[in-house]
Amino acid sequence: MQNEGSYICDSCGEEIVIPIDPSAGSSQQYTEDCPVCCRANVIHVDFNAGRADVRAVAE
C-alpha cells in the first residue's frame, strides 16, 4: 500500500507530495495549504484496490 501521494496545486501548478494514511478510511477529504504558494486546497484521497487517487481543488 502506498504511503505517499501527490497532487498538482490548483493555484500555482506545483506538484506537492503528501503522506497518505489508508487507515483513515477509503475516502478522505481535508484542507491543506500549499507549501509553495500558501493557498488552501481541498485534498481528496480515494483508495481503490491498493492504489490511492489524490486530487486537489482550490478552496
Protein backbone atom coordinates (compact mmCIF):
# COMPACT_ATOMS: atom_id res chain seq x y z
CA MET A 1 0.00 0.00 0.00
CA GLN A 2 1.21 3.50 -0.81
CA ASN A 3 2.24 5.85 1.99
CA GLU A 4 2.77 8.92 -0.23
CA GLY A 5 0.71 10.61 -2.90
CA SER A 6 0.95 13.78 -4.92
CA TYR A 7 -1.34 16.43 -6.32
CA ILE A 8 -0.99 19.50 -8.50
CA CYS A 9 -1.80 22.73 -6.66
CA ASP A 10 -4.82 24.30 -8.33
CA SER A 11 -3.42 27.79 -7.72
CA CYS A 12 0.30 27.66 -8.59
CA GLY A 13 0.60 24.42 -10.58
CA GLU A 14 3.34 22.87 -8.42
CA GLU A 15 3.34 19.13 -7.74
CA ILE A 16 3.06 18.56 -3.99
CA VAL A 17 3.97 15.23 -2.35
CA ILE A 18 1.99 14.41 0.78
CA PRO A 19 1.84 11.50 3.23
CA ILE A 20 -1.33 9.44 2.97
CA ASP A 21 -2.86 7.12 5.56
CA PRO A 22 -5.15 4.33 4.33
CA SER A 23 -6.20 3.56 7.92
CA ALA A 24 -8.12 6.88 7.97
CA GLY A 25 -10.73 5.45 5.56
CA SER A 26 -11.17 4.60 1.90
CA SER A 27 -12.42 8.09 1.01
CA GLN A 28 -10.84 11.11 2.67
CA GLN A 29 -11.17 14.88 2.30
CA TYR A 30 -9.31 17.63 4.13
CA THR A 31 -7.96 21.15 3.62
CA GLU A 32 -4.24 21.86 3.38
CA ASP A 33 -2.26 24.98 2.49
CA CYS A 34 0.11 24.64 -0.45
CA PRO A 35 3.71 24.79 0.87
CA VAL A 36 4.73 26.80 -2.22
CA CYS A 37 2.04 29.50 -2.64
CA CYS A 38 0.25 29.16 0.75
CA ARG A 39 -3.22 28.97 -0.83
CA ALA A 40 -5.71 26.49 0.60
CA ASN A 41 -6.52 23.30 -1.32
CA VAL A 42 -9.21 20.74 -0.59
CA ILE A 43 -7.43 17.39 -0.88
CA HIS A 44 -9.42 14.32 -1.92
CA VAL A 45 -7.88 10.86 -1.39
CA ASP A 46 -9.67 7.72 -2.57
CA PHE A 47 -8.25 4.22 -2.12
CA ASN A 48 -9.21 1.55 -4.62
CA ALA A 49 -7.60 -1.89 -4.96
CA GLY A 50 -4.49 -0.87 -3.02
CA ARG A 51 -3.95 2.28 -5.07
CA ALA A 52 -4.51 5.88 -3.96
CA ASP A 53 -6.07 8.54 -6.17
CA VAL A 54 -5.12 12.01 -4.89
CA ARG A 55 -6.53 15.25 -6.32
CA ALA A 56 -6.94 18.82 -5.13
CA VAL A 57 -9.17 21.78 -5.86
CA ALA A 58 -8.76 25.36 -4.66
CA GLU A 59 -10.79 26.14 -1.57
